Amino acid sequence: MLSQRVRRGTAMSSPQAVKDHLRLHLGVLKHEVFCVLFLDAQHRIIELLTQSLKAVLAMVDARVLDHFIVAGDKCVSFTERGLL
């Protein structure tokens, strides 16, 4: 059911959309990971980053929209809790 809500190209337009995506992809892991989601102007995830994008991002300030902690099927948004 969750995988149907999180389809490729779906906009990450709310903390809940990001939480669904993270729970689907990270919630099954048995170890801690750190990840960054790069979004386009429509808040869709940018996949397969190239070296040129990496270089451009290093030259500009990137704004942090949220910080999520995922554990099992639980996901917490710092923005929703007023922590960011």
PDB file of N, CA and C in Angstrom:
ATOM      1  N   MET A   1       0.825  -1.187   0.000  1.00  0.00           N
ATOM      2  CA  MET A   1       0.000   0.000   0.000  1.00  0.00           C
ATOM      3  C   MET A   1       0.875   1.259   0.000  1.00  0.00           C
ATOM      4  N   LEU A   2       1.912   1.254   0.842  1.00  0.00           N
ATOM      5  CA  LEU A   2       2.815   2.394   0.903  1.00  0.00           C
ATOM      6  C   LEU A   2       3.533   2.582  -0.417  1.00  0.00           C
ATOM      7  N   SER A   3       3.949   1.480  -1.053  1.00  0.00           N
ATOM      8  CA  SER A   3       4.675   1.593  -2.321  1.00  0.00           C
ATOM      9  C   SER A   3       3.802   2.178  -3.426  1.00  0.00           C
ATOM     10  N   GLN A   4       2.500   2.017  -3.341  1.00  0.00           N
ATOM     11  CA  GLN A   4       1.605   2.620  -4.325  1.00  0.00           C
ATOM     12  C   GLN A   4       1.524   4.130  -4.146  1.00  0.00           C
ATOM     13  N   ARG A   5       1.646   4.626  -2.890  1.00  0.00           N
ATOM     14  CA  ARG A   5       1.603   6.069  -2.635  1.00  0.00           C
ATOM     15  C   ARG A   5       2.912   6.744  -3.027  1.00  0.00           C
ATOM     16  N   VAL A   6       4.012   5.977  -3.008  1.00  0.00           N
ATOM     17  CA  VAL A   6       5.330   6.536  -3.301  1.00  0.00           C
ATOM     18  C   VAL A   6       5.769   6.022  -4.655  1.00  0.00           C
ATOM     19  N   ARG A   7       5.377   6.699  -5.698  1.00  0.00           N
ATOM     20  CA  ARG A   7       5.727   6.316  -7.059  1.00  0.00           C
ATOM     21  C   ARG A   7       6.826   7.223  -7.584  1.00  0.00           C
ATOM     22  N   ARG A   8       7.560   6.724  -8.574  1.00  0.00           N
ATOM     23  CA  ARG A   8       8.617   7.532  -9.188  1.00  0.00           C
ATOM     24  C   ARG A   8       8.005   8.804  -9.760  1.00  0.00           C
ATOM     25  N   GLY A   9       8.654   9.926  -9.493  1.00  0.00           N
ATOM     26  CA  GLY A   9       8.182  11.207  -9.996  1.00  0.00           C
ATOM     27  C   GLY A   9       7.191  11.896  -9.084  1.00  0.00           C
ATOM     28  N   THR A  10       6.801  11.237  -7.995  1.00  0.00           N
ATOM     29  CA  THR A  10       5.886  11.848  -7.047  1.00  0.00           C
ATOM     30  C   THR A  10       6.578  13.007  -6.337  1.00  0.00           C
ATOM     31  N   ALA A  11       5.890  14.133  -6.234  1.00  0.00           N
ATOM     32  CA  ALA A  11       6.470  15.302  -5.574  1.00  0.00           C
ATOM     33  C   ALA A  11       6.578  15.063  -4.073  1.00  0.00           C
ATOM     34  N   MET A  12       7.684  15.482  -3.510  1.00  0.00           N
ATOM     35  CA  MET A  12       7.900  15.431  -2.063  1.00  0.00           C
ATOM     36  C   MET A  12       7.414  16.766  -1.500  1.00  0.00           C
ATOM     37  N   SER A  13       6.116  16.997  -1.601  1.00  0.00           N
ATOM     38  CA  SER A  13       5.532  18.307  -1.311  1.00  0.00           C
ATOM     39  C   SER A  13       5.096  18.479   0.135  1.00  0.00           C
ATOM     40  N   SER A  14       5.290  17.455   0.947  1.00  0.00           N
ATOM     41  CA  SER A  14       4.920  17.569   2.359  1.00  0.00           C
ATOM     42  C   SER A  14       5.817  16.654   3.183  1.00  0.00           C
ATOM     43  N   PRO A  15       5.946  16.934   4.468  1.00  0.00           N
ATOM     44  CA  PRO A  15       6.715  16.020   5.319  1.00  0.00           C
ATOM     45  C   PRO A  15       6.177  14.587   5.270  1.00  0.00           C
ATOM     46  N   GLN A  16       4.873  14.412   5.164  1.00  0.00           N
ATOM     47  CA  GLN A  16       4.295  13.071   5.113  1.00  0.00           C
ATOM     48  C   GLN A  16       4.740  12.325   3.858  1.00  0.00           C
ATOM     49  N   ALA A  17       4.816  13.006   2.721  1.00  0.00           N
ATOM     50  CA  ALA A  17       5.272  12.366   1.485  1.00  0.00           C
ATOM     51  C   ALA A  17       6.716  11.889   1.631  1.00  0.00           C
ATOM     52  N   VAL A  18       7.563  12.710   2.258  1.00  0.00           N
ATOM     53  CA  VAL A  18       8.958  12.332   2.471  1.00  0.00           C
ATOM     54  C   VAL A  18       9.035  11.176   3.462  1.00  0.00           C
ATOM     55  N   LYS A  19       8.251  11.229   4.529  1.00  0.00           N
ATOM     56  CA  LYS A  19       8.252  10.144   5.510  1.00  0.00           C
ATOM     57  C   LYS A  19       7.851   8.832   4.862  1.00  0.00           C
ATOM     58  N   ASP A  20       6.834   8.846   4.008  1.00  0.00           N
ATOM     59  CA  ASP A  20       6.417   7.628   3.305  1.00  0.00           C
ATOM     60  C   ASP A  20       7.564   7.081   2.457  1.00  0.00           C
ATOM     61  N   HIS A  21       8.228   7.969   1.720  1.00  0.00           N
ATOM     62  CA  HIS A  21       9.343   7.561   0.867  1.00  0.00           C
ATOM     63  C   HIS A  21      10.475   6.951   1.705  1.00  0.00           C
ATOM     64  N   LEU A  22      10.845   7.608   2.797  1.00  0.00           N
ATOM     65  CA  LEU A  22      11.937   7.122   3.635  1.00  0.00           C
ATOM     66  C   LEU A  22      11.596   5.811   4.322  1.00  0.00           C
ATOM     67  N   ARG A  23      10.390   5.670   4.806  1.00  0.00           N
ATOM     68  CA  ARG A  23       9.981   4.413   5.445  1.00  0.00           C
ATOM     69  C   ARG A  23      10.046   3.267   4.454  1.00  0.00           C
ATOM     70  N   LEU A  24       9.641   3.522   3.215  1.00  0.00           N
ATOM     71  CA  LEU A  24       9.644   2.483   2.185  1.00  0.00           C
ATOM     72  C   LEU A  24      11.063   2.049   1.846  1.00  0.00           C
ATOM     73  N   HIS A  25      11.984   3.016   1.727  1.00  0.00           N
ATOM     74  CA  HIS A  25      13.331   2.707   1.269  1.00  0.00           C
ATOM     75  C   HIS A  25      14.346   2.477   2.382  1.00  0.00           C
ATOM     76  N   LEU A  26      14.139   3.037   3.555  1.00  0.00           N
ATOM     77  CA  LEU A  26      15.122   2.916   4.630  1.00  0.00           C
ATOM     78  C   LEU A  26      14.625   2.136   5.836  1.00  0.00           C
ATOM     79  N   GLY A  27      13.334   2.036   5.983  1.00  0.00           N
ATOM     80  CA  GLY A  27      12.760   1.428   7.179  1.00  0.00           C
ATOM     81  C   GLY A  27      13.124  -0.024   7.388  1.00  0.00           C
ATOM     82  N   VAL A  28      13.515  -0.723   6.333  1.00  0.00           N
ATOM     83  CA  VAL A  28      13.847  -2.144   6.442  1.00  0.00           C
ATOM     84  C   VAL A  28      15.306  -2.392   6.799  1.00  0.00           C
ATOM     85  N   LEU A  29      16.116  -1.339   6.779  1.00  0.00           N
ATOM     86  CA  LEU A  29      17.544  -1.501   7.048  1.00  0.00           C
ATOM     87  C   LEU A  29      17.796  -1.792   8.525  1.00  0.00           C
ATOM     88  N   LYS A  30      18.808  -2.582   8.790  1.00  0.00           N
ATOM     89  CA  LYS A  30      19.162  -2.956  10.159  1.00  0.00           C
ATOM     90  C   LYS A  30      20.285  -2.085  10.705  1.00  0.00           C
ATOM     91  N   HIS A  31      20.718  -1.101   9.931  1.00  0.00           N
ATOM     92  CA  HIS A  31      21.806  -0.233  10.344  1.00  0.00           C
ATOM     93  C   HIS A  31      21.448   1.219  10.060  1.00  0.00           C
ATOM     94  N   GLU A  32      22.155   2.109  10.718  1.00  0.00           N
ATOM     95  CA  GLU A  32      21.913   3.541  10.548  1.00  0.00           C
ATOM     96  C   GLU A  32      22.538   4.021   9.245  1.00  0.00           C
ATOM     97  N   VAL A  33      21.821   4.889   8.540  1.00  0.00           N
ATOM     98  CA  VAL A  33      22.354   5.498   7.319  1.00  0.00           C
ATOM     99  C   VAL A  33      22.075   6.993   7.354  1.00  0.00           C
ATOM    100  N   PHE A  34      22.864   7.731   6.613  1.00  0.00           N
ATOM    101  CA  PHE A  34      22.641   9.155   6.414  1.00  0.00           C
ATOM    102  C   PHE A  34      22.387   9.329   4.934  1.00  0.00           C
ATOM    103  N   CYS A  35      21.324  10.019   4.583  1.00  0.00           N
ATOM    104  CA  CYS A  35      21.045  10.225   3.173  1.00  0.00           C
ATOM    105  C   CYS A  35      20.548  11.643   2.951  1.00  0.00           C
ATOM    106  N   VAL A  36      20.677  12.073   1.724  1.00  0.00           N
ATOM    107  CA  VAL A  36      20.201  13.383   1.314  1.00  0.00           C
ATOM    108  C   VAL A  36      19.316  13.177   0.095  1.00  0.00           C
ATOM    109  N   LEU A  37      18.160  13.803   0.086  1.00  0.00           N
ATOM    110  CA  LEU A  37      17.286  13.760  -1.080  1.00  0.00           C
ATOM    111  C   LEU A  37      17.438  15.079  -1.824  1.00  0.00           C
ATOM    112  N   PHE A  38      17.894  15.017  -3.065  1.00  0.00           N
ATOM    113  CA  PHE A  38      18.010  16.211  -3.889  1.00  0.00           C
ATOM    114  C   PHE A  38      16.724  16.342  -4.697  1.00  0.00           C
ATOM    115  N   LEU A  39      16.080  17.510  -4.580  1.00  0.00           N
ATOM    116  CA  LEU A  39      14.795  17.738  -5.232  1.00  0.00           C
ATOM    117  C   LEU A  39      14.924  18.779  -6.329  1.00  0.00           C
ATOM    118  N   ASP A  40      14.107  18.616  -7.376  1.00  0.00           N
ATOM    119  CA  ASP A  40      14.056  19.644  -8.412  1.00  0.00           C
ATOM    120  C   ASP A  40      13.101  20.749  -7.974  1.00  0.00           C
ATOM    121  N   ALA A  41      12.834  21.699  -8.846  1.00  0.00           N
ATOM    122  CA  ALA A  41      11.985  22.844  -8.489  1.00  0.00           C
ATOM    123  C   ALA A  41      10.551  22.443  -8.157  1.00  0.00           C
ATOM    124  N   GLN A  42      10.128  21.272  -8.619  1.00  0.00           N
ATOM    125  CA  GLN A  42       8.776  20.778  -8.321  1.00  0.00           C
ATOM    126  C   GLN A  42       8.774  19.794  -7.143  1.00  0.00           C
ATOM    127  N   HIS A  43       9.880  19.764  -6.392  1.00  0.00           N
ATOM    128  CA  HIS A  43      10.044  18.882  -5.230  1.00  0.00           C
ATOM    129  C   HIS A  43       9.974  17.402  -5.582  1.00  0.00           C
ATOM    130  N   ARG A  44      10.441  17.051  -6.782  1.00  0.00           N
ATOM    131  CA  ARG A  44      10.565  15.646  -7.169  1.00  0.00           C
ATOM    132  C   ARG A  44      12.015  15.238  -6.948  1.00  0.00           C
ATOM    133  N   ILE A  45      12.209  13.983  -6.556  1.00  0.00           N
ATOM    134  CA  ILE A  45      13.557  13.500  -6.286  1.00  0.00           C
ATOM    135  C   ILE A  45      14.357  13.433  -7.582  1.00  0.00           C
ATOM    136  N   ILE A  46      15.584  13.973  -7.543  1.00  0.00           N
ATOM    137  CA  ILE A  46      16.511  13.891  -8.660  1.00  0.00           C
ATOM    138  C   ILE A  46      17.329  12.624  -8.458  1.00  0.00           C
ATOM    139  N   GLU A  47      17.310  11.656  -9.446  1.00  0.00           N
ATOM    140  CA  GLU A  47      18.054  10.407  -9.342  1.00  0.00           C
ATOM    141  C   GLU A  47      19.310  10.474 -10.203  1.00  0.00           C
ATOM    142  N   LEU A  48      20.196   9.557  -9.952  1.00  0.00           N
ATOM    143  CA  LEU A  48      21.435   9.376 -10.742  1.00  0.00           C
ATOM    144  C   LEU A  48      22.195  10.650 -10.879  1.00  0.00           C
ATOM    145  N   LEU A  49      22.655  11.302  -9.731  1.00  0.00           N
ATOM    146  CA  LEU A  49      23.370  12.578  -9.737  1.00  0.00           C
ATOM    147  C   LEU A  49      24.680  12.439 -10.483  1.00  0.00           C
ATOM    148  N   THR A  50      24.983  13.441 -11.272  1.00  0.00           N
ATOM    149  CA  THR A  50      26.239  13.445 -12.025  1.00  0.00           C
ATOM    150  C   THR A  50      27.299  14.216 -11.270  1.00  0.00           C
ATOM    151  N   GLN A  51      28.540  14.063 -11.687  1.00  0.00           N
ATOM    152  CA  GLN A  51      29.640  14.780 -11.059  1.00  0.00           C
ATOM    153  C   GLN A  51      29.470  16.286 -11.205  1.00  0.00           C
ATOM    154  N   SER A  52      28.888  16.737 -12.318  1.00  0.00           N
ATOM    155  CA  SER A  52      28.707  18.181 -12.492  1.00  0.00           C
ATOM    156  C   SER A  52      27.700  18.731 -11.492  1.00  0.00           C
ATOM    157  N   LEU A  53      26.631  18.002 -11.202  1.00  0.00           N
ATOM    158  CA  LEU A  53      25.669  18.449 -10.204  1.00  0.00           C
ATOM    159  C   LEU A  53      26.343  18.500  -8.832  1.00  0.00           C
ATOM    160  N   LYS A  54      27.165  17.513  -8.547  1.00  0.00           N
ATOM    161  CA  LYS A  54      27.881  17.492  -7.276  1.00  0.00           C
ATOM    162  C   LYS A  54      28.786  18.715  -7.148  1.00  0.00           C
ATOM    163  N   ALA A  55      29.459  19.070  -8.219  1.00  0.00           N
ATOM    164  CA  ALA A  55      30.343  20.235  -8.196  1.00  0.00           C
ATOM    165  C   ALA A  55      29.561  21.532  -8.020  1.00  0.00           C
ATOM    166  N   VAL A  56      28.435  21.654  -8.692  1.00  0.00           N
ATOM    167  CA  VAL A  56      27.605  22.857  -8.579  1.00  0.00           C
ATOM    168  C   VAL A  56      27.066  23.008  -7.159  1.00  0.00           C
ATOM    169  N   LEU A  57      26.599  21.931  -6.571  1.00  0.00           N
ATOM    170  CA  LEU A  57      26.067  21.987  -5.213  1.00  0.00           C
ATOM    171  C   LEU A  57      27.138  22.377  -4.200  1.00  0.00           C
ATOM    172  N   ALA A  58      28.374  22.004  -4.470  1.00  0.00           N
ATOM    173  CA  ALA A  58      29.462  22.372  -3.567  1.00  0.00           C
ATOM    174  C   ALA A  58      29.734  23.871  -3.602  1.00  0.00           C
ATOM    175  N   MET A  59      29.381  24.530  -4.699  1.00  0.00           N
ATOM    176  CA  MET A  59      29.655  25.962  -4.847  1.00  0.00           C
ATOM    177  C   MET A  59      28.541  26.859  -4.312  1.00  0.00           C
ATOM    178  N   VAL A  60      27.360  26.291  -4.076  1.00  0.00           N
ATOM    179  CA  VAL A  60      26.231  27.108  -3.631  1.00  0.00           C
ATOM    180  C   VAL A  60      25.749  26.629  -2.271  1.00  0.00           C
ATOM    181  N   ASP A  61      25.129  27.510  -1.559  1.00  0.00           N
ATOM    182  CA  ASP A  61      24.522  27.116  -0.289  1.00  0.00           C
ATOM    183  C   ASP A  61      23.244  26.334  -0.579  1.00  0.00           C
ATOM    184  N   ALA A  62      23.153  25.145  -0.038  1.00  0.00           N
ATOM    185  CA  ALA A  62      21.951  24.335  -0.180  1.00  0.00           C
ATOM    186  C   ALA A  62      21.103  24.512   1.066  1.00  0.00           C
ATOM    187  N   ARG A  63      19.825  24.768   0.879  1.00  0.00           N
ATOM    188  CA  ARG A  63      18.917  24.999   1.997  1.00  0.00           C
ATOM    189  C   ARG A  63      18.371  23.677   2.508  1.00  0.00           C
ATOM    190  N   VAL A  64      18.406  23.458   3.792  1.00  0.00           N
ATOM    191  CA  VAL A  64      17.865  22.242   4.397  1.00  0.00           C
ATOM    192  C   VAL A  64      16.381  22.467   4.665  1.00  0.00           C
ATOM    193  N   LEU A  65      15.536  21.653   4.046  1.00  0.00           N
ATOM    194  CA  LEU A  65      14.098  21.782   4.222  1.00  0.00           C
ATOM    195  C   LEU A  65      13.594  20.988   5.420  1.00  0.00           C
ATOM    196  N   ASP A  66      14.239  19.861   5.717  1.00  0.00           N
ATOM    197  CA  ASP A  66      13.787  19.029   6.818  1.00  0.00           C
ATOM    198  C   ASP A  66      14.887  18.040   7.179  1.00  0.00           C
ATOM    199  N   HIS A  67      14.726  17.384   8.300  1.00  0.00           N
ATOM    200  CA  HIS A  67      15.623  16.336   8.769  1.00  0.00           C
ATOM    201  C   HIS A  67      14.707  15.243   9.286  1.00  0.00           C
ATOM    202  N   PHE A  68      14.866  14.034   8.767  1.00  0.00           N
ATOM    203  CA  PHE A  68      14.010  12.925   9.154  1.00  0.00           C
ATOM    204  C   PHE A  68      14.818  11.849   9.851  1.00  0.00           C
ATOM    205  N   ILE A  69      14.225  11.239  10.844  1.00  0.00           N
ATOM    206  CA  ILE A  69      14.781  10.056  11.484  1.00  0.00           C
ATOM    207  C   ILE A  69      13.820   8.911  11.202  1.00  0.00           C
ATOM    208  N   VAL A  70      14.363   7.833  10.618  1.00  0.00           N
ATOM    209  CA  VAL A  70      13.558   6.667  10.257  1.00  0.00           C
ATOM    210  C   VAL A  70      14.045   5.483  11.067  1.00  0.00           C
ATOM    211  N   ALA A  71      13.123   4.795  11.738  1.00  0.00           N
ATOM    212  CA  ALA A  71      13.438   3.590  12.489  1.00  0.00           C
ATOM    213  C   ALA A  71      12.292   2.607  12.305  1.00  0.00           C
ATOM    214  N   GLY A  72      12.572   1.536  11.586  1.00  0.00           N
ATOM    215  CA  GLY A  72      11.507   0.567  11.301  1.00  0.00           C
ATOM    216  C   GLY A  72      10.410   1.230  10.498  1.00  0.00           C
ATOM    217  N   ASP A  73       9.187   1.137  10.975  1.00  0.00           N
ATOM    218  CA  ASP A  73       8.077   1.781  10.259  1.00  0.00           C
ATOM    219  C   ASP A  73       7.749   3.157  10.816  1.00  0.00           C
ATOM    220  N   LYS A  74       8.586   3.670  11.705  1.00  0.00           N
ATOM    221  CA  LYS A  74       8.395   4.999  12.301  1.00  0.00           C
ATOM    222  C   LYS A  74       9.276   6.022  11.599  1.00  0.00           C
ATOM    223  N   CYS A  75       8.771   7.245  11.468  1.00  0.00           N
ATOM    224  CA  CYS A  75       9.516   8.317  10.817  1.00  0.00           C
ATOM    225  C   CYS A  75       9.140   9.638  11.482  1.00  0.00           C
ATOM    226  N   VAL A  76      10.157  10.408  11.875  1.00  0.00           N
ATOM    227  CA  VAL A  76       9.929  11.680  12.560  1.00  0.00           C
ATOM    228  C   VAL A  76      10.494  12.814  11.714  1.00  0.00           C
ATOM    229  N   SER A  77       9.710  13.877  11.536  1.00  0.00           N
ATOM    230  CA  SER A  77      10.116  15.066  10.796  1.00  0.00           C
ATOM    231  C   SER A  77      10.484  16.165  11.782  1.00  0.00           C
ATOM    232  N   PHE A  78      11.725  16.690  11.678  1.00  0.00           N
ATOM    233  CA  PHE A  78      12.132  17.798  12.541  1.00  0.00           C
ATOM    234  C   PHE A  78      11.287  19.041  12.265  1.00  0.00           C
ATOM    235  N   THR A  79      10.945  19.289  11.002  1.00  0.00           N
ATOM    236  CA  THR A  79      10.135  20.456  10.650  1.00  0.00           C
ATOM    237  C   THR A  79       8.759  20.368  11.301  1.00  0.00           C
ATOM    238  N   GLU A  80       8.135  19.194  11.237  1.00  0.00           N
ATOM    239  CA  GLU A  80       6.818  19.033  11.859  1.00  0.00           C
ATOM    240  C   GLU A  80       6.874  19.263  13.366  1.00  0.00           C
ATOM    241  N   ARG A  81       7.980  18.928  13.991  1.00  0.00           N
ATOM    242  CA  ARG A  81       8.118  19.090  15.441  1.00  0.00           C
ATOM    243  C   ARG A  81       8.676  20.444  15.841  1.00  0.00           C
ATOM    244  N   GLY A  82       8.913  21.321  14.841  1.00  0.00           N
ATOM    245  CA  GLY A  82       9.424  22.650  15.139  1.00  0.00           C
ATOM    246  C   GLY A  82      10.878  22.665  15.568  1.00  0.00           C
ATOM    247  N   LEU A  83      11.634  21.666  15.197  1.00  0.00           N
ATOM    248  CA  LEU A  83      13.029  21.547  15.590  1.00  0.00           C
ATOM    249  C   LEU A  83      14.002  22.081  14.533  1.00  0.00           C
ATOM    250  N   LEU A  84      13.481  22.463  13.394  1.00  0.00           N
ATOM    251  CA  LEU A  84      14.352  22.963  12.327  1.00  0.00           C
ATOM    252  C   LEU A  84      13.829  24.270  11.780  1.00  0.00           C
TER     253      LEU A  84
END
